[in-house]
Protein backbone atom coordinates (compact mmCIF):
# COMPACT_ATOMS: atom_id res chain seq x y z
CA MET A 1 -8.89 -2.20 -15.10
CA ALA A 2 -8.65 -5.67 -13.54
CA SER A 3 -6.55 -8.31 -15.21
CA ALA A 4 -7.62 -11.94 -15.20
CA ASP A 5 -4.17 -13.14 -14.14
CA GLY A 6 -3.69 -10.62 -11.31
CA THR A 7 -1.18 -8.47 -13.18
CA ILE A 8 -0.89 -5.13 -11.41
CA LEU A 9 1.67 -3.39 -13.62
CA PRO A 10 5.06 -3.88 -15.26
CA ALA A 11 7.87 -4.20 -12.70
CA ASP A 12 9.76 -1.41 -14.50
CA ASP A 13 6.84 0.95 -13.72
CA VAL A 14 7.16 0.54 -9.93
CA PRO A 15 8.89 3.74 -8.82
CA ALA A 16 12.14 3.62 -6.86
CA ASP A 17 11.53 6.87 -4.97
CA THR A 18 7.85 6.67 -4.00
CA THR A 19 4.91 4.24 -4.10
CA ALA A 20 2.46 3.07 -6.75
CA LEU A 21 -1.16 2.72 -5.66
CA PHE A 22 -3.47 -0.19 -6.54
CA THR A 23 -6.77 -1.62 -5.32
CA VAL A 24 -7.69 -5.12 -4.13
CA ARG A 25 -10.92 -6.79 -2.98
CA GLU A 26 -11.16 -9.34 -0.18
CA LEU A 27 -12.31 -12.71 -1.50
CA ASP A 28 -14.39 -13.39 1.58
CA GLY A 29 -16.29 -10.28 2.50
CA GLU A 30 -15.92 -8.20 -0.66
CA GLN A 31 -14.28 -5.31 1.24
CA ILE A 32 -12.08 -3.15 -1.00
CA HIS A 33 -8.65 -1.89 0.08
CA GLU A 34 -6.00 0.33 -1.41
CA ALA A 35 -2.45 -1.01 -1.38
CA VAL A 36 0.96 0.34 -2.35
CA LEU A 37 3.87 -1.11 -4.27
CA ILE A 38 7.42 -0.03 -3.52
CA ASP A 39 10.70 -1.04 -5.16
CA THR A 40 13.15 -1.82 -2.35
CA ASP A 41 16.74 -3.03 -2.44
CA ASP A 42 15.35 -6.53 -1.80
CA GLY A 43 12.69 -6.44 -4.51
CA ILE A 44 9.15 -5.18 -4.91
CA GLU A 45 7.02 -5.16 -1.76
CA ALA A 46 3.33 -4.39 -1.25
CA TRP A 47 1.47 -3.10 1.82
CA LEU A 48 -2.10 -2.06 2.54
CA ASN A 49 -2.29 1.71 2.18
CA ARG A 50 -2.86 2.62 5.80
CA CYS A 51 -0.77 4.03 8.59
CA MET A 52 -0.83 1.84 11.67
CA HIS A 53 -1.30 4.88 13.94
CA PHE A 54 -4.71 5.69 12.46
CA THR A 55 -5.62 3.03 9.92
CA HIS A 56 -8.11 5.24 8.09
CA ILE A 57 -5.20 7.44 6.97
CA GLY A 58 -3.47 6.37 3.77
CA LEU A 59 0.29 6.55 3.33
CA ASP A 60 -0.21 7.25 -0.39
CA LYS A 61 -2.88 9.88 -0.95
CA GLY A 62 -2.86 9.34 -4.72
CA SER A 63 0.42 10.90 -5.77
CA GLY A 64 2.84 8.50 -4.09
CA ALA A 65 3.99 8.24 -0.49
CA GLU A 66 7.18 9.94 0.62
CA TYR A 67 10.07 7.47 0.55
CA ARG A 68 13.53 8.20 1.90
CA ASP A 69 16.46 6.19 3.18
CA GLY A 70 14.56 2.92 2.67
CA GLU A 71 11.52 4.05 4.65
CA ILE A 72 7.95 5.00 3.74
CA VAL A 73 6.89 8.14 5.62
CA CYS A 74 3.37 8.91 6.82
CA THR A 75 3.06 12.64 6.25
CA ASN A 76 0.25 12.97 8.81
CA HIS A 77 2.21 12.03 11.92
CA GLY A 78 5.77 11.40 10.74
CA ALA A 79 5.64 7.64 11.31
CA MET A 80 8.35 5.85 9.36
CA PHE A 81 8.08 2.27 8.07
CA ALA A 82 10.92 0.12 6.72
CA ALA A 83 9.87 -0.45 3.11
CA ASP A 84 11.23 -3.99 3.03
CA THR A 85 9.63 -5.26 6.27
CA GLY A 86 6.78 -2.83 7.03
CA TYR A 87 8.16 -2.31 10.55
CA CYS A 88 7.47 1.12 12.08
CA THR A 89 10.86 2.47 13.14
CA PHE A 90 9.69 5.87 14.36
CA GLY A 91 6.49 7.65 15.33
CA PRO A 92 3.32 7.12 17.32
CA CYS A 93 2.96 3.50 16.15
CA GLU A 94 6.62 2.51 16.63
CA GLY A 95 6.97 -1.26 16.77
CA ALA A 96 3.85 -1.94 14.68
CA TYR A 97 3.94 -3.48 11.20
CA LEU A 98 2.16 -2.50 8.00
CA ASP A 99 -0.24 -5.15 6.68
CA SER A 100 1.50 -7.02 3.87
CA VAL A 101 0.04 -7.96 0.51
CA ALA A 102 1.90 -10.75 -1.28
CA VAL A 103 3.08 -9.95 -4.80
CA ALA A 104 5.43 -11.71 -7.22
CA VAL A 105 7.33 -10.62 -10.29
CA GLU A 106 6.78 -12.97 -13.24
CA ASP A 107 8.01 -12.26 -16.76
CA GLY A 108 8.62 -8.62 -15.86
CA GLN A 109 5.10 -8.12 -14.47
CA VAL A 110 4.09 -7.49 -10.84
CA LYS A 111 1.26 -9.88 -10.01
CA LEU A 112 -0.94 -10.24 -6.98
CA ALA A 113 0.09 -13.45 -5.19
CA ASP A 114 -2.02 -13.06 -2.06
CA GLY A 115 -4.83 -15.61 -1.81
CA ARG A 116 -6.88 -13.30 0.40
CA TYR A 117 -7.46 -10.75 -2.36
CA GLU A 118 -8.27 -10.28 -6.00
CA PHE A 119 -6.77 -7.44 -8.01
CA VAL A 120 -9.27 -4.69 -8.92
CA ALA A 121 -7.31 -1.87 -10.59
CA THR A 122 -4.23 0.29 -10.51
CA GLY A 123 -4.73 3.60 -8.78
CA PRO A 124 -6.98 4.59 -5.89
CA ASN A 125 -10.27 3.03 -4.86
CA GLU A 126 -12.69 4.92 -7.10
CA ASP A 127 -15.72 3.38 -5.35
CA ASP A 128 -14.96 4.98 -2.00
CA GLY A 129 -18.25 6.67 -1.15
CA ASP A 130 -17.36 7.17 2.51
CA LEU A 131 -17.90 10.83 3.34
CA THR A 132 -17.28 10.53 7.06
CA SER A 133 -14.74 12.74 8.72
CA THR A 134 -11.11 11.86 8.24
CA SER A 135 -10.02 14.05 11.12
CA ASN A 136 -7.34 12.44 13.22
CA VAL A 137 -8.10 14.58 16.26
CA GLU A 138 -9.06 12.47 19.26
CA PHE A 139 -11.44 13.73 21.92
């Protein structure tokens, strides 16, 4: 459920060993995106939920993305992204960056602080009616 002040969830609920999924809507264009929160050594970061190798593939498929040694791992191709910078350190998109989503922690709450988006809900995009193939095989 959307909050009027952009509150995503309590900071204490952001997991330290995986990601938390939430949904945002572009203010100009109305496109909806999933994003992930991750608790890093430097604070809570947020990224759009898409691997930079194939951007239609989510890092978090609904149960949290794999997170180890400070990196988010794309289970589809093994790409690894530094959780604090979004930089791809290994894999087919090495050198690319995840798309950031600005968040802030205020009074113990993680809030959306990115002027490009409005907060929709915690969890996955429930309105995703796209039934096209998600195959990552290229011909």
